Amino acid sequence: TLNQVAYFEKPPLQYWLSAVSMKLFGVQAWAARLPLALASLIALWAAWRLARRLGAQRPLWAAFMAATMLLGFICGQVLTLDALFAAFLAVALCGVVEAVGARCAGGPALPWTLLAFGALAAATLTKGIAAPVLLGGAALASLGWTRGEAKLRSAVLRTLFDPLGWMLFLLLTVPWFVAVERANPGHARFFFIHEHF
């Protein structure tokens, strides 16, 4: 609820994290924002890791650039969903890129795939189905640059459609949506149709 009114516009993950932080550290403004600050640090790690995987000579600069973006700084200070959502999407993208790289090299891709889908689930529980749409759209669009590279194309598709990854995603996201729909009939229609389309 928000001021005792049912609030179904967004999923609960950020609110849960802020509530846990305030339970641990007291009802303070900084405690409510602490999960966002930590999310910003996670986004910096993801920027560094992506730059490293994609062959940057100095991947630390990617983290520096991400840290000095004005919008990123503002989102890390204001209690909105955007910092957490962006951090989870960055980690999901990092996981996809690492899984694709591992598949191309013949290495173990499952840990990275599960990280990608776990982060995607967290992003979905932060802001909704925009998460899989954005990540899936970006990954599928990347196929346009893989012409003539069948191994790379196959690795991207195998990562995006990994059954274990989707099982993890559904295991993490579906229970909350089902529970809310049972407790509040009509939530699914409002959330998925009204709020997203």
N, C-alpha and C. Protein backbone atom coordinates (compact mmCIF):
# COMPACT_ATOMS: atom_id res chain seq x y z
N THR A 1 0.85 -1.19 0.00
CA THR A 1 0.00 0.00 0.00
C THR A 1 0.88 1.24 0.00
N LEU A 2 0.31 2.33 -0.42
CA LEU A 2 0.95 3.64 -0.37
C LEU A 2 -0.07 4.58 0.27
N ASN A 3 0.23 5.01 1.48
CA ASN A 3 -0.72 5.81 2.26
C ASN A 3 -2.06 5.09 2.40
N GLN A 4 -1.99 3.81 2.73
CA GLN A 4 -3.15 2.95 2.96
C GLN A 4 -4.01 2.71 1.71
N VAL A 5 -3.49 3.00 0.53
CA VAL A 5 -4.19 2.72 -0.72
C VAL A 5 -3.41 1.64 -1.46
N ALA A 6 -4.11 0.63 -1.99
CA ALA A 6 -3.43 -0.44 -2.72
C ALA A 6 -2.61 0.15 -3.85
N TYR A 7 -1.34 -0.21 -3.90
CA TYR A 7 -0.41 0.35 -4.89
C TYR A 7 0.12 -0.80 -5.74
N PHE A 8 -0.40 -0.92 -6.95
CA PHE A 8 -0.03 -2.03 -7.82
C PHE A 8 0.72 -1.59 -9.07
N GLU A 9 1.14 -0.35 -9.12
CA GLU A 9 1.80 0.15 -10.33
C GLU A 9 3.14 -0.52 -10.59
N LYS A 10 3.86 -0.87 -9.53
CA LYS A 10 5.19 -1.47 -9.67
C LYS A 10 5.31 -2.68 -8.75
N PRO A 11 6.19 -3.63 -9.11
CA PRO A 11 6.45 -4.76 -8.23
C PRO A 11 7.19 -4.31 -6.97
N PRO A 12 7.40 -5.21 -6.00
CA PRO A 12 7.82 -4.78 -4.67
C PRO A 12 9.31 -4.82 -4.34
N LEU A 13 10.19 -5.29 -5.20
CA LEU A 13 11.55 -5.58 -4.75
C LEU A 13 12.26 -4.39 -4.12
N GLN A 14 12.21 -3.22 -4.76
CA GLN A 14 12.90 -2.09 -4.16
C GLN A 14 12.29 -1.71 -2.81
N TYR A 15 10.99 -1.79 -2.71
CA TYR A 15 10.33 -1.46 -1.45
C TYR A 15 10.73 -2.45 -0.36
N TRP A 16 10.83 -3.73 -0.74
CA TRP A 16 11.29 -4.73 0.22
C TRP A 16 12.71 -4.43 0.69
N LEU A 17 13.59 -4.11 -0.27
CA LEU A 17 14.99 -3.84 0.09
C LEU A 17 15.10 -2.61 0.98
N SER A 18 14.36 -1.57 0.68
CA SER A 18 14.38 -0.37 1.53
C SER A 18 13.81 -0.68 2.91
N ALA A 19 12.76 -1.49 2.97
CA ALA A 19 12.17 -1.86 4.26
C ALA A 19 13.16 -2.67 5.10
N VAL A 20 13.86 -3.61 4.48
CA VAL A 20 14.87 -4.39 5.21
C VAL A 20 15.99 -3.47 5.70
N SER A 21 16.44 -2.57 4.86
CA SER A 21 17.49 -1.64 5.24
C SER A 21 17.05 -0.77 6.42
N MET A 22 15.82 -0.26 6.38
CA MET A 22 15.32 0.57 7.49
C MET A 22 15.09 -0.25 8.75
N LYS A 23 14.75 -1.51 8.57
CA LYS A 23 14.59 -2.39 9.74
C LYS A 23 15.95 -2.60 10.41
N LEU A 24 17.01 -2.73 9.60
CA LEU A 24 18.35 -2.95 10.14
C LEU A 24 18.99 -1.68 10.69
N PHE A 25 18.77 -0.55 10.03
CA PHE A 25 19.50 0.67 10.37
C PHE A 25 18.63 1.79 10.90
N GLY A 26 17.35 1.56 11.01
CA GLY A 26 16.45 2.59 11.52
C GLY A 26 15.78 3.35 10.38
N VAL A 27 14.71 4.04 10.70
CA VAL A 27 13.96 4.78 9.69
C VAL A 27 14.71 6.09 9.42
N GLN A 28 15.65 6.00 8.53
CA GLN A 28 16.49 7.13 8.14
C GLN A 28 16.43 7.25 6.62
N ALA A 29 16.59 8.46 6.11
CA ALA A 29 16.59 8.66 4.65
C ALA A 29 17.72 7.87 4.01
N TRP A 30 18.90 7.87 4.63
CA TRP A 30 20.03 7.17 4.03
C TRP A 30 19.80 5.66 4.03
N ALA A 31 19.10 5.15 5.02
CA ALA A 31 18.81 3.71 5.07
C ALA A 31 17.86 3.32 3.94
N ALA A 32 16.89 4.18 3.64
CA ALA A 32 15.97 3.89 2.54
C ALA A 32 16.71 3.91 1.21
N ARG A 33 17.73 4.79 1.10
CA ARG A 33 18.48 4.91 -0.16
C ARG A 33 19.65 3.94 -0.27
N LEU A 34 20.02 3.29 0.82
CA LEU A 34 21.19 2.40 0.81
C LEU A 34 21.12 1.33 -0.29
N PRO A 35 19.98 0.65 -0.51
CA PRO A 35 19.95 -0.33 -1.60
C PRO A 35 20.25 0.29 -2.97
N LEU A 36 19.87 1.54 -3.16
CA LEU A 36 20.15 2.21 -4.44
C LEU A 36 21.63 2.51 -4.58
N ALA A 37 22.27 2.91 -3.49
CA ALA A 37 23.71 3.16 -3.53
C ALA A 37 24.46 1.87 -3.84
N LEU A 38 24.05 0.78 -3.20
CA LEU A 38 24.68 -0.52 -3.47
C LEU A 38 24.41 -0.95 -4.91
N ALA A 39 23.20 -0.67 -5.40
CA ALA A 39 22.88 -0.99 -6.80
C ALA A 39 23.78 -0.22 -7.74
N SER A 40 24.07 1.02 -7.43
CA SER A 40 24.96 1.81 -8.28
C SER A 40 26.36 1.21 -8.31
N LEU A 41 26.83 0.70 -7.18
CA LEU A 41 28.14 0.03 -7.15
C LEU A 41 28.12 -1.24 -7.99
N ILE A 42 27.01 -1.97 -7.94
CA ILE A 42 26.88 -3.18 -8.75
C ILE A 42 26.90 -2.82 -10.24
N ALA A 43 26.24 -1.72 -10.59
CA ALA A 43 26.24 -1.28 -11.99
C ALA A 43 27.65 -0.92 -12.45
N LEU A 44 28.45 -0.34 -11.56
CA LEU A 44 29.85 -0.01 -11.91
C LEU A 44 30.64 -1.30 -12.16
N TRP A 45 30.41 -2.31 -11.33
CA TRP A 45 31.09 -3.60 -11.55
C TRP A 45 30.69 -4.16 -12.92
N ALA A 46 29.38 -4.10 -13.23
CA ALA A 46 28.91 -4.65 -14.50
C ALA A 46 29.52 -3.89 -15.68
N ALA A 47 29.65 -2.57 -15.57
CA ALA A 47 30.27 -1.79 -16.65
C ALA A 47 31.72 -2.20 -16.84
N TRP A 48 32.44 -2.37 -15.73
CA TRP A 48 33.85 -2.81 -15.81
C TRP A 48 33.94 -4.20 -16.44
N ARG A 49 33.08 -5.12 -15.98
CA ARG A 49 33.13 -6.50 -16.46
C ARG A 49 32.79 -6.58 -17.95
N LEU A 50 31.78 -5.83 -18.37
CA LEU A 50 31.42 -5.80 -19.79
C LEU A 50 32.55 -5.25 -20.64
N ALA A 51 33.16 -4.16 -20.19
CA ALA A 51 34.28 -3.57 -20.94
C ALA A 51 35.43 -4.55 -21.04
N ARG A 52 35.70 -5.24 -19.95
CA ARG A 52 36.78 -6.24 -19.94
C ARG A 52 36.48 -7.38 -20.92
N ARG A 53 35.26 -7.88 -20.88
CA ARG A 53 34.88 -9.00 -21.76
C ARG A 53 34.91 -8.58 -23.23
N LEU A 54 34.54 -7.33 -23.50
CA LEU A 54 34.48 -6.87 -24.88
C LEU A 54 35.83 -6.37 -25.39
N GLY A 55 36.89 -6.52 -24.59
CA GLY A 55 38.24 -6.27 -25.07
C GLY A 55 38.79 -4.89 -24.84
N ALA A 56 38.20 -4.11 -23.94
CA ALA A 56 38.75 -2.77 -23.67
C ALA A 56 40.14 -2.89 -23.06
N GLN A 57 41.04 -2.04 -23.47
CA GLN A 57 42.40 -2.08 -22.91
C GLN A 57 42.43 -1.62 -21.46
N ARG A 58 41.57 -0.68 -21.14
CA ARG A 58 41.49 -0.18 -19.76
C ARG A 58 40.03 -0.22 -19.31
N PRO A 59 39.55 -1.38 -18.89
CA PRO A 59 38.13 -1.52 -18.56
C PRO A 59 37.70 -0.68 -17.35
N LEU A 60 38.65 -0.28 -16.54
CA LEU A 60 38.30 0.55 -15.38
C LEU A 60 37.68 1.87 -15.80
N TRP A 61 38.05 2.34 -16.99
CA TRP A 61 37.46 3.58 -17.49
C TRP A 61 35.96 3.46 -17.69
N ALA A 62 35.48 2.29 -18.03
CA ALA A 62 34.04 2.09 -18.21
C ALA A 62 33.32 2.32 -16.88
N ALA A 63 33.88 1.78 -15.80
CA ALA A 63 33.29 2.00 -14.48
C ALA A 63 33.37 3.47 -14.10
N PHE A 64 34.49 4.11 -14.42
CA PHE A 64 34.65 5.54 -14.12
C PHE A 64 33.61 6.37 -14.87
N MET A 65 33.43 6.06 -16.15
CA MET A 65 32.44 6.81 -16.94
C MET A 65 31.03 6.58 -16.40
N ALA A 66 30.73 5.34 -16.02
CA ALA A 66 29.40 5.06 -15.45
C ALA A 66 29.22 5.80 -14.12
N ALA A 67 30.29 5.89 -13.33
CA ALA A 67 30.21 6.56 -12.03
C ALA A 67 30.04 8.06 -12.16
N THR A 68 30.51 8.64 -13.25
CA THR A 68 30.46 10.10 -13.38
C THR A 68 29.31 10.60 -14.24
N MET A 69 28.43 9.69 -14.68
CA MET A 69 27.25 10.14 -15.44
C MET A 69 26.30 10.86 -14.49
N LEU A 70 25.84 12.02 -14.91
CA LEU A 70 24.97 12.82 -14.07
C LEU A 70 23.68 12.09 -13.72
N LEU A 71 23.04 11.47 -14.71
CA LEU A 71 21.78 10.78 -14.45
C LEU A 71 21.98 9.62 -13.48
N GLY A 72 23.05 8.87 -13.66
CA GLY A 72 23.34 7.77 -12.74
C GLY A 72 23.55 8.27 -11.33
N PHE A 73 24.24 9.39 -11.19
CA PHE A 73 24.48 9.98 -9.87
C PHE A 73 23.16 10.41 -9.23
N ILE A 74 22.32 11.06 -10.02
CA ILE A 74 21.03 11.53 -9.49
C ILE A 74 20.15 10.34 -9.10
N CYS A 75 20.10 9.32 -9.95
CA CYS A 75 19.27 8.15 -9.65
C CYS A 75 19.75 7.41 -8.41
N GLY A 76 21.04 7.51 -8.13
CA GLY A 76 21.58 6.88 -6.92
C GLY A 76 21.26 7.65 -5.66
N GLN A 77 20.81 8.89 -5.81
CA GLN A 77 20.51 9.75 -4.66
C GLN A 77 19.03 9.86 -4.35
N VAL A 78 18.20 9.65 -5.37
CA VAL A 78 16.76 9.85 -5.23
C VAL A 78 16.10 8.48 -5.10
N LEU A 79 15.10 8.40 -4.29
CA LEU A 79 14.44 7.13 -4.03
C LEU A 79 13.45 6.81 -5.16
N THR A 80 14.01 6.37 -6.31
CA THR A 80 13.19 5.92 -7.43
C THR A 80 13.61 4.50 -7.78
N LEU A 81 12.88 3.89 -8.68
CA LEU A 81 13.18 2.51 -9.07
C LEU A 81 14.32 2.42 -10.07
N ASP A 82 14.70 3.52 -10.67
CA ASP A 82 15.58 3.49 -11.83
C ASP A 82 16.98 2.97 -11.56
N ALA A 83 17.59 3.34 -10.44
CA ALA A 83 18.96 2.89 -10.15
C ALA A 83 19.00 1.37 -9.98
N LEU A 84 18.06 0.84 -9.23
CA LEU A 84 18.02 -0.60 -9.01
C LEU A 84 17.71 -1.34 -10.31
N PHE A 85 16.74 -0.83 -11.05
CA PHE A 85 16.36 -1.43 -12.33
C PHE A 85 17.54 -1.45 -13.29
N ALA A 86 18.22 -0.31 -13.42
CA ALA A 86 19.37 -0.22 -14.33
C ALA A 86 20.50 -1.14 -13.89
N ALA A 87 20.73 -1.24 -12.58
CA ALA A 87 21.80 -2.12 -12.09
C ALA A 87 21.50 -3.58 -12.41
N PHE A 88 20.28 -4.00 -12.17
CA PHE A 88 19.93 -5.40 -12.47
C PHE A 88 19.99 -5.67 -13.97
N LEU A 89 19.56 -4.71 -14.78
CA LEU A 89 19.66 -4.90 -16.23
C LEU A 89 21.11 -4.96 -16.68
N ALA A 90 21.97 -4.13 -16.10
CA ALA A 90 23.40 -4.16 -16.45
C ALA A 90 24.01 -5.50 -16.08
N VAL A 91 23.66 -6.02 -14.91
CA VAL A 91 24.19 -7.34 -14.50
C VAL A 91 23.64 -8.43 -15.42
N ALA A 92 22.37 -8.34 -15.79
CA ALA A 92 21.78 -9.33 -16.70
C ALA A 92 22.48 -9.30 -18.05
N LEU A 93 22.72 -8.11 -18.57
CA LEU A 93 23.44 -7.97 -19.84
C LEU A 93 24.85 -8.53 -19.73
N CYS A 94 25.51 -8.23 -18.63
CA CYS A 94 26.85 -8.76 -18.38
C CYS A 94 26.82 -10.29 -18.37
N GLY A 95 25.83 -10.85 -17.69
CA GLY A 95 25.70 -12.31 -17.65
C GLY A 95 25.49 -12.91 -19.02
N VAL A 96 24.65 -12.26 -19.84
CA VAL A 96 24.40 -12.75 -21.20
C VAL A 96 25.69 -12.71 -22.02
N VAL A 97 26.40 -11.59 -21.97
CA VAL A 97 27.64 -11.45 -22.75
C VAL A 97 28.68 -12.46 -22.30
N GLU A 98 28.81 -12.65 -20.98
CA GLU A 98 29.78 -13.63 -20.47
C GLU A 98 29.37 -15.05 -20.85
N ALA A 99 28.08 -15.36 -20.79
CA ALA A 99 27.62 -16.70 -21.17
C ALA A 99 27.88 -16.97 -22.64
N VAL A 100 27.62 -15.97 -23.47
CA VAL A 100 27.88 -16.12 -24.91
C VAL A 100 29.37 -16.33 -25.14
N GLY A 101 30.20 -15.55 -24.46
CA GLY A 101 31.65 -15.71 -24.59
C GLY A 101 32.10 -17.09 -24.14
N ALA A 102 31.55 -17.58 -23.04
CA ALA A 102 31.91 -18.91 -22.55
C ALA A 102 31.47 -19.99 -23.53
N ARG A 103 30.28 -19.85 -24.10
CA ARG A 103 29.81 -20.84 -25.06
C ARG A 103 30.69 -20.85 -26.31
N CYS A 104 31.10 -19.67 -26.76
CA CYS A 104 31.96 -19.60 -27.94
C CYS A 104 33.33 -20.22 -27.68
N ALA A 105 33.81 -20.10 -26.44
CA ALA A 105 35.12 -20.64 -26.08
C ALA A 105 35.05 -22.09 -25.63
N GLY A 106 33.85 -22.63 -25.52
CA GLY A 106 33.69 -24.02 -25.08
C GLY A 106 33.80 -24.17 -23.57
N GLY A 107 33.64 -23.07 -22.84
CA GLY A 107 33.74 -23.11 -21.38
C GLY A 107 32.38 -23.24 -20.73
N PRO A 108 32.36 -23.23 -19.40
CA PRO A 108 31.09 -23.36 -18.68
C PRO A 108 30.28 -22.06 -18.75
N ALA A 109 29.12 -22.13 -19.35
CA ALA A 109 28.27 -20.95 -19.51
C ALA A 109 27.13 -20.90 -18.51
N LEU A 110 26.82 -22.02 -17.87
CA LEU A 110 25.64 -22.08 -17.00
C LEU A 110 25.68 -21.06 -15.86
N PRO A 111 26.81 -20.90 -15.13
CA PRO A 111 26.79 -19.90 -14.04
C PRO A 111 26.46 -18.50 -14.54
N TRP A 112 27.01 -18.11 -15.68
CA TRP A 112 26.72 -16.78 -16.23
C TRP A 112 25.29 -16.69 -16.71
N THR A 113 24.78 -17.77 -17.30
CA THR A 113 23.39 -17.78 -17.76
C THR A 113 22.45 -17.62 -16.58
N LEU A 114 22.71 -18.35 -15.50
CA LEU A 114 21.85 -18.25 -14.32
C LEU A 114 21.95 -16.86 -13.69
N LEU A 115 23.15 -16.27 -13.69
CA LEU A 115 23.29 -14.90 -13.20
C LEU A 115 22.44 -13.95 -14.04
N ALA A 116 22.50 -14.12 -15.36
CA ALA A 116 21.73 -13.26 -16.26
C ALA A 116 20.24 -13.37 -15.98
N PHE A 117 19.73 -14.58 -15.88
CA PHE A 117 18.29 -14.76 -15.66
C PHE A 117 17.88 -14.38 -14.25
N GLY A 118 18.75 -14.60 -13.27
CA GLY A 118 18.46 -14.17 -11.90
C GLY A 118 18.37 -12.65 -11.81
N ALA A 119 19.32 -11.96 -12.45
CA ALA A 119 19.29 -10.50 -12.46
C ALA A 119 18.10 -9.99 -13.25
N LEU A 120 17.75 -10.68 -14.33
CA LEU A 120 16.57 -10.31 -15.11
C LEU A 120 15.30 -10.45 -14.26
N ALA A 121 15.23 -11.50 -13.46
CA ALA A 121 14.09 -11.68 -12.57
C ALA A 121 14.04 -10.54 -11.55
N ALA A 122 15.19 -10.17 -11.00
CA ALA A 122 15.23 -9.07 -10.02
C ALA A 122 14.79 -7.76 -10.68
N ALA A 123 15.21 -7.52 -11.92
CA ALA A 123 14.79 -6.32 -12.64
C ALA A 123 13.28 -6.35 -12.88
N THR A 124 12.75 -7.52 -13.19
CA THR A 124 11.31 -7.66 -13.41
C THR A 124 10.55 -7.40 -12.12
N LEU A 125 11.07 -7.86 -11.00
CA LEU A 125 10.43 -7.62 -9.71
C LEU A 125 10.65 -6.20 -9.21
N THR A 126 11.47 -5.44 -9.93
CA THR A 126 11.67 -4.03 -9.60
C THR A 126 10.74 -3.14 -10.40
N LYS A 127 10.62 -3.42 -11.71
CA LYS A 127 9.87 -2.49 -12.55
C LYS A 127 8.91 -3.16 -13.54
N GLY A 128 8.91 -4.47 -13.62
CA GLY A 128 7.94 -5.13 -14.48
C GLY A 128 8.53 -5.74 -15.73
N ILE A 129 7.65 -6.02 -16.70
CA ILE A 129 8.06 -6.77 -17.88
C ILE A 129 8.89 -5.94 -18.86
N ALA A 130 9.13 -4.68 -18.54
CA ALA A 130 10.05 -3.90 -19.36
C ALA A 130 11.43 -4.55 -19.35
N ALA A 131 11.78 -5.23 -18.26
CA ALA A 131 13.11 -5.84 -18.14
C ALA A 131 13.37 -6.89 -19.22
N PRO A 132 12.55 -7.94 -19.34
CA PRO A 132 12.83 -8.91 -20.40
C PRO A 132 12.67 -8.33 -21.81
N VAL A 133 11.80 -7.35 -21.96
CA VAL A 133 11.64 -6.73 -23.28
C VAL A 133 12.91 -5.98 -23.67
N LEU A 134 13.46 -5.19 -22.76
CA LEU A 134 14.67 -4.42 -23.06
C LEU A 134 15.88 -5.33 -23.29
N LEU A 135 16.10 -6.27 -22.37
CA LEU A 135 17.26 -7.15 -22.51
C LEU A 135 17.12 -8.06 -23.72
N GLY A 136 15.94 -8.66 -23.89
CA GLY A 136 15.73 -9.53 -25.03
C GLY A 136 15.83 -8.78 -26.34
N GLY A 137 15.29 -7.58 -26.38
CA GLY A 137 15.37 -6.77 -27.59
C GLY A 137 16.81 -6.43 -27.95
N ALA A 138 17.59 -6.06 -26.95
CA ALA A 138 19.00 -5.73 -27.20
C ALA A 138 19.76 -6.96 -27.67
N ALA A 139 19.53 -8.09 -27.01
CA ALA A 139 20.25 -9.31 -27.38
C ALA A 139 19.84 -9.79 -28.77
N LEU A 140 18.55 -9.74 -29.07
CA LEU A 140 18.11 -10.17 -30.40
C LEU A 140 18.60 -9.20 -31.48
N ALA A 141 18.63 -7.92 -31.17
CA ALA A 141 19.14 -6.95 -32.14
C ALA A 141 20.61 -7.20 -32.44
N SER A 142 21.34 -7.72 -31.45
CA SER A 142 22.77 -7.99 -31.66
C SER A 142 22.98 -9.07 -32.72
N LEU A 143 21.95 -9.87 -32.96
CA LEU A 143 22.09 -10.91 -33.99
C LEU A 143 22.33 -10.31 -35.37
N GLY A 144 21.92 -9.06 -35.55
CA GLY A 144 22.16 -8.39 -36.83
C GLY A 144 23.64 -8.19 -37.12
N TRP A 145 24.47 -8.21 -36.08
CA TRP A 145 25.92 -8.03 -36.26
C TRP A 145 26.67 -9.36 -36.26
N THR A 146 25.94 -10.46 -36.28
CA THR A 146 26.61 -11.77 -36.24
C THR A 146 26.53 -12.50 -37.58
N ARG A 147 26.27 -11.77 -38.65
CA ARG A 147 26.19 -12.42 -39.97
C ARG A 147 27.51 -13.13 -40.28
N GLY A 148 27.40 -14.34 -40.74
CA GLY A 148 28.59 -15.10 -41.09
C GLY A 148 29.30 -15.70 -39.89
N GLU A 149 28.79 -15.47 -38.70
CA GLU A 149 29.40 -16.01 -37.49
C GLU A 149 28.40 -16.95 -36.83
N ALA A 150 28.27 -18.12 -37.39
CA ALA A 150 27.26 -19.08 -36.95
C ALA A 150 27.47 -19.49 -35.49
N LYS A 151 28.72 -19.63 -35.07
CA LYS A 151 29.00 -20.05 -33.70
C LYS A 151 28.53 -18.98 -32.71
N LEU A 152 28.79 -17.71 -33.04
CA LEU A 152 28.36 -16.62 -32.17
C LEU A 152 26.84 -16.51 -32.14
N ARG A 153 26.22 -16.60 -33.29
CA ARG A 153 24.75 -16.54 -33.37
C ARG A 153 24.13 -17.67 -32.55
N SER A 154 24.67 -18.87 -32.69
CA SER A 154 24.17 -20.01 -31.93
C SER A 154 24.34 -19.78 -30.43
N ALA A 155 25.47 -19.22 -30.02
CA ALA A 155 25.72 -18.97 -28.60
C ALA A 155 24.74 -17.95 -28.04
N VAL A 156 24.43 -16.91 -28.80
CA VAL A 156 23.46 -15.91 -28.36
C VAL A 156 22.09 -16.55 -28.19
N LEU A 157 21.66 -17.31 -29.18
CA LEU A 157 20.33 -17.93 -29.13
C LEU A 157 20.24 -18.97 -28.02
N ARG A 158 21.30 -19.76 -27.85
CA ARG A 158 21.29 -20.77 -26.78
C ARG A 158 21.24 -20.11 -25.41
N THR A 159 21.87 -18.96 -25.27
CA THR A 159 21.83 -18.24 -23.99
C THR A 159 20.45 -17.66 -23.75
N LEU A 160 19.89 -17.01 -24.76
CA LEU A 160 18.58 -16.36 -24.60
C LEU A 160 17.45 -17.36 -24.34
N PHE A 161 17.58 -18.55 -24.91
CA PHE A 161 16.50 -19.53 -24.78
C PHE A 161 16.89 -20.72 -23.93
N ASP A 162 17.82 -20.51 -23.00
CA ASP A 162 18.27 -21.57 -22.11
C ASP A 162 17.12 -21.98 -21.19
N PRO A 163 16.70 -23.25 -21.20
CA PRO A 163 15.56 -23.67 -20.39
C PRO A 163 15.80 -23.50 -18.89
N LEU A 164 17.02 -23.78 -18.42
CA LEU A 164 17.29 -23.61 -16.99
C LEU A 164 17.22 -22.14 -16.59
N GLY A 165 17.68 -21.27 -17.47
CA GLY A 165 17.59 -19.84 -17.19
C GLY A 165 16.15 -19.40 -17.06
N TRP A 166 15.30 -19.84 -17.99
CA TRP A 166 13.89 -19.46 -17.94
C TRP A 166 13.18 -20.07 -16.74
N MET A 167 13.59 -21.29 -16.36
CA MET A 167 13.01 -21.90 -15.16
C MET A 167 13.35 -21.07 -13.93
N LEU A 168 14.60 -20.62 -13.83
CA LEU A 168 14.99 -19.78 -12.70
C LEU A 168 14.21 -18.47 -12.71
N PHE A 169 14.10 -17.85 -13.88
CA PHE A 169 13.35 -16.60 -14.00
C PHE A 169 11.91 -16.76 -13.51
N LEU A 170 11.25 -17.81 -13.99
CA LEU A 170 9.86 -18.05 -13.60
C LEU A 170 9.73 -18.41 -12.13
N LEU A 171 10.67 -19.18 -11.61
CA LEU A 171 10.66 -19.56 -10.20
C LEU A 171 10.77 -18.33 -9.30
N LEU A 172 11.54 -17.35 -9.73
CA LEU A 172 11.74 -16.14 -8.92
C LEU A 172 10.63 -15.10 -9.09
N THR A 173 9.98 -15.05 -10.25
CA THR A 173 9.01 -13.98 -10.50
C THR A 173 7.55 -14.40 -10.33
N VAL A 174 7.21 -15.57 -10.80
CA VAL A 174 5.80 -15.96 -10.85
C VAL A 174 5.13 -16.03 -9.47
N PRO A 175 5.79 -16.57 -8.43
CA PRO A 175 5.08 -16.68 -7.14
C PRO A 175 4.51 -15.36 -6.62
N TRP A 176 5.25 -14.26 -6.77
CA TRP A 176 4.73 -12.99 -6.27
C TRP A 176 3.51 -12.56 -7.07
N PHE A 177 3.59 -12.66 -8.40
CA PHE A 177 2.47 -12.23 -9.23
C PHE A 177 1.22 -13.09 -8.96
N VAL A 178 1.41 -14.39 -8.77
CA VAL A 178 0.27 -15.28 -8.48
C VAL A 178 -0.32 -14.93 -7.12
N ALA A 179 0.54 -14.73 -6.11
CA ALA A 179 0.05 -14.41 -4.77
C ALA A 179 -0.73 -13.11 -4.76
N VAL A 180 -0.24 -12.11 -5.46
CA VAL A 180 -0.93 -10.82 -5.49
C VAL A 180 -2.26 -10.94 -6.24
N GLU A 181 -2.28 -11.69 -7.32
CA GLU A 181 -3.53 -11.88 -8.07
C GLU A 181 -4.57 -12.61 -7.23
N ARG A 182 -4.13 -13.61 -6.46
CA ARG A 182 -5.08 -14.33 -5.60
C ARG A 182 -5.64 -13.42 -4.51
N ALA A 183 -4.77 -12.60 -3.92
CA ALA A 183 -5.22 -11.71 -2.84
C ALA A 183 -6.01 -10.52 -3.37
N ASN A 184 -5.72 -10.13 -4.62
CA ASN A 184 -6.36 -8.94 -5.21
C ASN A 184 -6.77 -9.25 -6.64
N PRO A 185 -7.90 -9.93 -6.84
CA PRO A 185 -8.32 -10.28 -8.20
C PRO A 185 -8.36 -9.03 -9.09
N GLY A 186 -7.81 -9.18 -10.28
CA GLY A 186 -7.75 -8.06 -11.22
C GLY A 186 -6.39 -7.41 -11.29
N HIS A 187 -5.50 -7.77 -10.34
CA HIS A 187 -4.16 -7.18 -10.35
C HIS A 187 -3.42 -7.47 -11.66
N ALA A 188 -3.47 -8.72 -12.11
CA ALA A 188 -2.72 -9.10 -13.30
C ALA A 188 -3.16 -8.28 -14.51
N ARG A 189 -4.46 -8.11 -14.68
CA ARG A 189 -4.94 -7.31 -15.81
C ARG A 189 -4.48 -5.86 -15.69
N PHE A 190 -4.61 -5.29 -14.48
CA PHE A 190 -4.18 -3.91 -14.27
C PHE A 190 -2.69 -3.77 -14.53
N PHE A 191 -1.89 -4.67 -13.95
CA PHE A 191 -0.44 -4.54 -14.03
C PHE A 191 0.08 -4.81 -15.44
N PHE A 192 -0.30 -5.93 -16.03
CA PHE A 192 0.27 -6.30 -17.31
C PHE A 192 -0.34 -5.56 -18.49
N ILE A 193 -1.63 -5.26 -18.42
CA ILE A 193 -2.28 -4.58 -19.55
C ILE A 193 -2.26 -3.05 -19.37
N HIS A 194 -2.86 -2.58 -18.27
CA HIS A 194 -2.98 -1.13 -18.06
C HIS A 194 -1.62 -0.46 -17.87
N GLU A 195 -0.79 -1.00 -17.01
CA GLU A 195 0.48 -0.35 -16.70
C GLU A 195 1.54 -0.50 -17.79
N HIS A 196 1.49 -1.59 -18.54
CA HIS A 196 2.54 -1.82 -19.53
C HIS A 196 2.14 -1.49 -20.96
N PHE A 197 0.86 -1.61 -21.28
CA PHE A 197 0.46 -1.38 -22.67
C PHE A 197 -0.45 -0.17 -22.82
